[in-house]
Structures are given as structure tokens and as C-alpha cells.
Protein backbone atom coordinates (compact mmCIF):
# COMPACT_ATOMS: atom_id res chain seq x y z
CA MET A 1 -4.75 6.97 19.57
CA ARG A 2 -7.12 5.36 17.22
CA LEU A 3 -10.75 6.62 16.91
CA ALA A 4 -13.42 4.55 15.36
CA THR A 5 -17.10 4.62 14.49
CA TRP A 6 -19.16 1.47 14.27
CA GLU A 7 -22.67 -0.06 14.14
CA ALA A 8 -23.99 -2.94 16.18
CA ALA A 9 -27.56 -4.13 16.54
CA GLY A 10 -28.72 -0.98 14.71
CA VAL A 11 -26.87 1.35 17.12
CA VAL A 12 -24.06 3.64 16.00
CA ARG A 13 -21.32 4.44 18.48
CA SER A 14 -17.94 6.13 18.45
CA GLY A 15 -14.99 5.37 20.52
CA VAL A 16 -11.28 4.47 20.90
CA VAL A 17 -9.50 1.43 19.62
CA SER A 18 -7.16 -0.70 21.93
CA ALA A 19 -5.72 -4.16 21.87
CA ALA A 20 -8.79 -5.36 23.61
CA GLY A 21 -11.24 -4.02 21.12
CA LEU A 22 -13.50 -0.88 20.94
CA HIS A 23 -14.24 1.34 23.82
CA ALA A 24 -17.33 3.55 23.40
CA PHE A 25 -17.41 7.25 24.22
CA PRO A 26 -20.63 8.45 26.01
CA SER A 27 -23.65 8.03 23.91
CA GLY A 28 -24.09 10.84 21.35
CA THR A 29 -20.45 11.71 21.22
CA THR A 30 -18.95 11.45 17.69
CA VAL A 31 -15.45 11.33 16.32
CA LEU A 32 -16.24 14.61 14.59
CA ASP A 33 -17.17 16.19 17.96
CA LEU A 34 -13.74 15.27 19.35
CA VAL A 35 -11.92 16.45 16.21
CA ARG A 36 -13.60 19.77 16.68
CA ALA A 37 -12.78 19.88 20.37
CA GLY A 38 -9.04 19.44 19.51
CA LEU A 39 -6.35 16.88 19.96
CA PRO A 40 -5.85 17.37 23.67
CA ALA A 41 -9.42 17.13 24.53
CA ALA A 42 -9.67 14.00 22.22
CA LEU A 43 -6.81 12.28 23.95
CA GLU A 44 -8.39 13.00 27.41
CA ALA A 45 -11.67 11.48 26.23
CA GLY A 46 -9.99 8.47 24.73
CA ALA A 47 -8.14 7.75 27.97
CA ALA A 48 -11.45 7.92 29.79
CA ALA A 49 -13.04 5.61 27.26
CA GLU A 50 -10.48 3.06 27.57
CA ARG A 51 -11.66 2.39 31.17
CA GLU A 52 -15.05 1.15 29.66
CA PRO A 53 -15.64 -2.47 28.67
CA ALA A 54 -14.39 -3.46 25.16
CA VAL A 55 -16.40 -4.59 22.19
CA PRO A 56 -14.55 -6.97 19.79
CA VAL A 57 -13.89 -5.41 16.55
CA ALA A 58 -15.17 -8.65 14.76
CA ALA A 59 -18.52 -8.14 16.45
CA VAL A 60 -19.40 -4.76 14.72
CA ARG A 61 -19.64 -3.20 11.31
CA LEU A 62 -16.96 -0.52 11.09
CA LEU A 63 -18.24 2.71 9.52
CA PRO A 64 -16.10 5.61 8.25
CA PRO A 65 -14.28 6.96 11.26
CA LEU A 66 -16.05 10.37 10.97
CA GLU A 67 -18.57 12.23 8.89
CA PRO A 68 -16.58 15.03 7.43
CA PRO A 69 -18.04 18.35 6.24
CA THR A 70 -16.05 18.22 3.02
CA VAL A 71 -13.65 15.78 1.17
CA ARG A 72 -10.92 17.08 -1.03
CA ASP A 73 -8.63 14.74 -2.97
CA PHE A 74 -5.24 15.94 -4.38
CA VAL A 75 -3.01 14.40 -6.95
CA THR A 76 0.51 14.51 -5.34
CA PHE A 77 2.46 11.46 -6.65
CA GLU A 78 4.43 12.25 -9.77
CA LYS A 79 4.83 8.47 -10.72
CA HIS A 80 0.99 8.18 -10.60
CA VAL A 81 0.52 11.18 -13.01
CA GLU A 82 3.23 9.97 -15.45
CA GLY A 83 1.69 6.51 -15.42
CA ILE A 84 -1.85 7.74 -16.07
CA ALA A 85 -1.07 10.36 -18.74
CA GLY A 86 2.31 9.27 -20.16
CA ARG A 87 3.93 12.49 -19.19
CA VAL A 88 3.72 14.99 -16.32
CA PRO A 89 2.30 18.39 -17.28
CA ALA A 90 4.39 21.40 -16.31
CA GLU A 91 1.35 22.75 -14.49
CA TRP A 92 1.39 19.77 -12.04
CA HIS A 93 4.66 21.14 -10.61
CA GLU A 94 3.31 24.65 -10.10
CA ALA A 95 0.88 24.01 -7.30
CA PRO A 96 -1.10 21.06 -5.74
CA THR A 97 -4.34 20.15 -7.65
CA PHE A 98 -7.46 18.83 -5.99
CA TYR A 99 -11.13 18.25 -6.48
CA PHE A 100 -14.06 18.00 -4.11
CA THR A 101 -15.63 14.48 -3.88
CA ASN A 102 -18.86 13.25 -2.41
CA PRO A 103 -19.05 13.24 1.45
CA TYR A 104 -22.32 11.28 1.24
CA ALA A 105 -20.67 8.37 -0.53
CA LEU A 106 -18.33 7.29 2.22
CA ILE A 107 -18.14 3.70 3.12
CA GLY A 108 -16.62 1.65 5.95
CA ALA A 109 -13.35 -0.45 6.00
CA HIS A 110 -15.10 -3.69 5.30
CA ASP A 111 -18.29 -2.65 3.33
CA ASP A 112 -19.14 -3.94 -0.01
CA VAL A 113 -18.73 -1.39 -2.94
CA ALA A 114 -21.09 -1.39 -5.99
CA ILE A 115 -19.96 -0.80 -9.48
CA PRO A 116 -21.30 2.59 -10.53
CA PRO A 117 -24.22 2.47 -13.02
CA GLY A 118 -22.96 2.16 -16.61
CA SER A 119 -19.26 1.57 -15.77
CA LYS A 120 -17.17 -1.16 -17.28
CA LEU A 121 -13.73 0.21 -16.07
CA PHE A 122 -13.94 0.15 -12.27
CA ASP A 123 -10.79 0.88 -10.38
CA PHE A 124 -9.41 1.47 -6.81
CA GLU A 125 -6.93 4.18 -5.70
CA LEU A 126 -4.60 3.71 -2.79
CA GLU A 127 -4.20 6.86 -0.74
CA VAL A 128 -3.87 8.31 2.77
CA ALA A 129 -5.97 11.31 4.03
CA ALA A 130 -5.24 13.82 6.65
CA VAL A 131 -8.09 15.21 8.80
CA ALA A 132 -7.96 18.88 9.86
CA GLY A 133 -8.38 19.37 13.56
CA ARG A 134 -9.06 23.15 13.51
CA ASP A 135 -10.42 25.88 11.32
CA VAL A 136 -7.70 27.64 9.24
CA ALA A 137 -7.82 30.29 6.55
CA SER A 138 -4.85 31.32 4.35
CA ALA A 139 -2.69 29.24 6.64
CA THR A 140 1.01 29.10 6.49
CA PRO A 141 2.48 25.51 6.17
CA GLU A 142 3.47 25.74 9.79
CA GLN A 143 0.01 26.67 10.84
CA ALA A 144 -1.32 23.88 8.69
CA ARG A 145 0.95 21.24 10.18
CA ALA A 146 -0.30 22.21 13.65
CA ALA A 147 -3.80 21.95 12.34
CA ILE A 148 -3.55 18.18 11.37
CA PHE A 149 -5.62 16.09 13.77
CA GLY A 150 -4.83 12.66 12.30
CA TYR A 151 -4.64 10.22 9.29
CA THR A 152 -6.67 7.44 7.84
CA VAL A 153 -6.66 5.11 4.82
CA PHE A 154 -8.50 6.54 1.76
CA ASN A 155 -9.63 4.43 -1.29
CA ASP A 156 -10.91 6.74 -4.03
CA TRP A 157 -12.98 4.28 -6.06
CA SER A 158 -13.16 5.34 -9.74
CA ALA A 159 -15.23 4.59 -12.74
CA ARG A 160 -12.49 5.28 -15.36
CA ASP A 161 -14.71 5.17 -18.44
CA LEU A 162 -17.14 7.66 -16.90
CA GLN A 163 -14.30 9.91 -15.72
CA ARG A 164 -12.63 9.92 -19.17
CA ARG A 165 -15.78 11.00 -20.88
CA GLU A 166 -16.82 13.80 -18.55
CA MET A 167 -13.13 15.19 -18.26
CA LYS A 168 -13.10 15.72 -22.10
CA VAL A 169 -15.64 18.44 -21.35
CA ASN A 170 -12.93 20.20 -19.34
CA LEU A 171 -14.91 19.80 -16.09
CA GLY A 172 -14.92 17.12 -13.53
CA PRO A 173 -14.38 14.47 -12.38
CA ALA A 174 -18.03 13.99 -11.39
CA LYS A 175 -19.87 10.57 -11.78
CA GLY A 176 -16.58 8.98 -12.36
CA LYS A 177 -15.66 9.61 -8.74
CA ASP A 178 -18.67 10.02 -6.56
CA SER A 179 -20.00 6.64 -6.10
CA ALA A 180 -17.84 5.46 -3.16
CA THR A 181 -14.87 6.34 -1.07
CA THR A 182 -13.54 4.05 1.69
CA LEU A 183 -12.25 5.65 4.89
CA GLY A 184 -10.81 3.55 7.67
CA PRO A 185 -10.34 1.38 9.42
CA TRP A 186 -10.00 4.24 11.99
CA LEU A 187 -8.55 7.76 12.43
CA VAL A 188 -5.04 7.64 13.91
CA THR A 189 -4.15 10.84 15.81
CA ALA A 190 -1.12 12.77 14.47
CA ASP A 191 0.91 12.30 17.76
CA GLU A 192 1.39 8.67 16.74
CA PHE A 193 3.57 9.63 13.70
CA GLU A 194 6.99 11.24 13.22
CA LEU A 195 7.48 13.49 10.25
CA ASP A 196 10.79 13.68 8.37
CA ARG A 197 12.82 16.91 8.14
CA ASP A 198 10.67 18.05 5.22
CA GLY A 199 7.30 17.34 6.82
CA PHE A 200 6.58 14.02 4.98
CA LEU A 201 5.29 10.80 6.47
CA ASP A 202 7.44 7.79 5.36
CA LEU A 203 4.84 4.99 5.55
CA ASP A 204 4.67 1.84 3.59
CA MET A 205 1.56 1.45 1.40
CA ARG A 206 0.32 -1.74 -0.31
CA VAL A 207 -2.74 -2.83 -2.23
CA SER A 208 -3.78 -6.32 -3.34
CA VAL A 209 -6.70 -7.75 -5.38
CA ASN A 210 -7.88 -11.26 -4.47
CA GLY A 211 -4.67 -11.71 -2.46
CA ALA A 212 -2.27 -10.86 -5.27
CA GLU A 213 -0.21 -7.59 -4.62
CA ILE A 214 -0.82 -5.02 -7.31
CA GLY A 215 0.90 -1.92 -5.93
CA HIS A 216 3.56 -0.96 -3.33
CA ASP A 217 4.79 2.46 -2.58
CA ARG A 218 5.74 4.87 0.17
CA LEU A 219 3.77 7.81 1.38
CA SER A 220 6.99 9.98 1.34
CA GLY A 221 6.68 9.87 -2.49
CA MET A 222 4.25 12.81 -2.36
CA GLY A 223 5.37 15.96 -4.21
CA TRP A 224 4.06 18.09 -1.31
CA PRO A 225 3.50 17.10 2.35
CA PHE A 226 0.03 17.37 3.93
CA GLU A 227 0.90 20.68 5.60
CA GLU A 228 1.44 22.17 2.06
CA LEU A 229 -1.92 20.69 0.90
CA ILE A 230 -3.80 22.20 3.71
CA ALA A 231 -2.14 25.51 3.35
CA TYR A 232 -2.89 25.50 -0.38
CA ALA A 233 -6.55 24.40 0.17
CA SER A 234 -7.03 27.29 2.63
CA ARG A 235 -5.73 30.01 0.37
CA GLY A 236 -8.28 32.76 0.30
CA THR A 237 -10.91 30.48 2.01
CA TRP A 238 -11.47 28.11 4.96
CA VAL A 239 -10.47 24.58 5.79
CA ARG A 240 -12.76 23.52 8.69
CA ALA A 241 -12.10 21.07 11.45
CA GLY A 242 -13.11 17.60 10.27
CA ASP A 243 -12.35 18.25 6.57
CA VAL A 244 -10.65 15.26 4.86
CA LEU A 245 -7.81 15.95 2.50
CA GLY A 246 -6.54 12.88 0.42
CA SER A 247 -2.93 12.50 -0.75
CA GLY A 248 -3.88 11.32 -4.14
CA THR A 249 -3.04 7.88 -5.50
CA CYS A 250 0.42 6.62 -4.84
CA GLY A 251 2.69 5.46 -7.71
CA ASN A 252 3.97 1.87 -8.43
CA GLY A 253 0.56 0.43 -9.01
CA GLY A 254 -1.47 2.40 -6.67
CA CYS A 255 -4.45 2.01 -9.16
CA LEU A 256 -5.16 -0.01 -12.21
CA ALA A 257 -5.36 3.03 -14.50
CA GLU A 258 -1.70 3.79 -13.90
CA LEU A 259 -0.82 0.27 -15.00
CA TRP A 260 -3.14 0.51 -17.94
CA GLY A 261 -1.31 3.71 -19.00
CA ARG A 262 2.00 1.78 -19.00
CA ARG A 263 0.71 -1.52 -20.46
CA GLY A 264 -2.64 -0.82 -22.11
CA ASP A 265 -6.16 -1.21 -20.95
CA GLY A 266 -7.01 -4.64 -19.57
CA ASP A 267 -3.67 -5.40 -17.91
CA PRO A 268 -4.61 -6.02 -15.09
CA PRO A 269 -8.35 -6.41 -15.90
CA PRO A 270 -10.77 -3.84 -14.42
CA LEU A 271 -12.46 -4.77 -11.14
CA GLN A 272 -15.37 -7.28 -11.45
CA PRO A 273 -18.05 -8.34 -8.97
CA GLY A 274 -16.52 -10.70 -6.43
CA ASP A 275 -13.08 -9.08 -6.43
CA VAL A 276 -11.59 -8.20 -3.05
CA VAL A 277 -9.47 -5.09 -2.74
CA GLU A 278 -7.36 -4.90 0.33
CA MET A 279 -5.11 -1.84 1.27
CA THR A 280 -2.63 -1.63 4.22
CA VAL A 281 -0.86 1.48 5.29
CA GLU A 282 1.94 1.21 7.88
CA GLY A 283 0.92 2.67 11.28
CA ILE A 284 -2.70 3.15 10.23
CA GLY A 285 -4.26 -0.29 9.36
CA THR A 286 -6.04 -2.26 6.71
CA ILE A 287 -9.27 -1.86 4.74
CA ARG A 288 -10.81 -4.65 2.79
CA ASN A 289 -13.73 -4.20 0.43
CA ARG A 290 -15.57 -6.65 -1.93
CA VAL A 291 -16.88 -5.46 -5.20
CA VAL A 292 -20.53 -6.21 -5.92
CA PRO A 293 -22.74 -5.55 -8.91
CA GLY A 294 -24.29 -2.11 -9.13
CA LEU A 295 -27.68 -0.88 -10.23
CA GLU A 296 -28.84 -1.30 -13.81
CA LEU A 297 -30.20 1.99 -14.85
CA PRO A 298 -31.53 3.36 -18.29
CA PRO A 299 -28.98 5.12 -20.51
CA VAL A 300 -28.40 8.82 -19.99
CA ARG A 301 -30.36 10.91 -22.61
CA PRO A 302 -28.02 12.79 -24.79
CA ALA A 303 -28.30 16.63 -25.13
CA ARG A 304 -30.68 18.19 -27.57
CA ARG A 305 -28.85 19.45 -30.62
CA ASN A 306 -28.84 23.30 -30.94
CA GLU A 307 -29.96 23.77 -34.53
CA ARG A 308 -30.64 27.37 -34.32
CA THR A 309 -28.75 29.72 -36.81
């Protein structure tokens, strides 16, 4: 089942996606409500909604499928790490690494995305995200697998110049990552997919800029499956129903920075206003965003020098 959230004529609704279009849930019911209710209840609600009249997808603005409480993003593709850094640190192999990104900066599958203020090296990142369907704490991988509600395409837009500066302070990323994240086009429930014997999803992933393919990989290239990511994120704490957990960027051109690491900055060039980035993940769908100019803000004031002896 595919769950979506959309806006039409100023009204936001959520519902289920069929070949005929979008079928709305009762007014006030959100995708997050159904994620928290659990997959069986969501499937029942979806079956009921499909009996309602359909709205064409082309007639609405798709929003992020849900409003998650938190968004974690991992870095699980070894090829991506090697391309970015030139080598894979030994620490990468020891445990999954993630950061929290901005849940207030989520955009829809076809929304325009603005270049962050002050950035000249704007980039995309092709990922898939899992959505937790129940609250878990210090979960085993088996418990975490049972807690996965579904999956969506995830584009972790990145201001690479801002990111490079702030990570030299051994903290971050912060403003290099929090301007926009695309989720969509919908949330596909976990029962639609088969995992391999090791718990991985083997899905085709592709990204293009202005119609020219830049990257192509398979989701099974992750170093850990999603169940291991959720289990790790829950160690000594909680992962809550509705939390979004990104796979991290795939290899083989899943972002421009990986290619810059192999070829040098500028090949391909950073994203510019007017560029259209399209991502397709097998079994989930396609997101397509146009880059637009961002705000022109005054420069950030540097720190006061500490001249005390």
C-alpha cells in the first residue's frame, strides 16, 4: 500500500494511492496517525479509503508523506564513503554512524528547492528511508525488523562548502544539511517488499540532473540493513513510531561530492538554479525537484578573538 499526503485548494489531506489516483482518509486523519496505529490498522484504513472517489495525482501538490518526529540519516554505503574521503576509516566498519537532520525542512516530491544562503557547492544525495512503525528501545535486529512500517525516497540536499567548514570544528553537519530534505513521493508499506536472506532490500536506485543520468546503484549495497540501523539507533534510548531513518547516500554517483572526490571539484558542476534533479527507486517511485535561487543574506559575523592572557 502507498500512503500520501497532499494539498489542493489550500486543504491538506492524507490517503492511499491507487492506479486511479489519491483516495482520502476521513478528514483529520494523517499518515503519522496510521503509522502509530500500526500496519494492520493502516492496511484496513487504506482498503476503506480506496472505496472513496479518486483525485488525480496531477491535480494536487504532493507533500512529504508524513511529518516525522525525528529524522536520522546514516552513512552506510562504503563506495560513497571511499569516494568522498578517498579512503574508508576503520571506525566506519565498527558501527553505523548517523546524524539528526531538520524535520522542519522537509519538502514534497515535486517542490522547488532553494540553494542555502551563502552556498556555492549545492548537491543532492540519493537515499531510501525506513519509517518506524512502533516505539522500540534497545531493540534486537529482529525486533527492529518487525518495527519497520515502510519506505520512501529520501534526498538529503547538501551545501558542501558550508558542511566542509563546520565539520572542521569536529561537530556537525549543521547548516550544510538543514535547508531541505525531500521525502516521497509516498510511503510504501513494508509488506510490499521482500528482503534477502541477510535482511537487505535489493532495489534499483537512479538519479539524473536535467535528464542526464549521474548515478546508479542498488540499495543492497548498504553495509548494514535497515533493521541493524534501527537497532543501533535505539541502543540505550528510544526510536518512536513515525521516526525516519535514512540509508545514507548510495555509491556510484549517488551525489556530486562523491564524483568530486574521484575527479576533482567541478566535475560535474555543482547544482545551479534551473537544474532539475530526478530520483527513482524501484518499487517506491520518483521524486523530481527543481533548484531555485535562495535568499541573499548578510555574511555571518566571525567570532570575537579571545585576547585575554
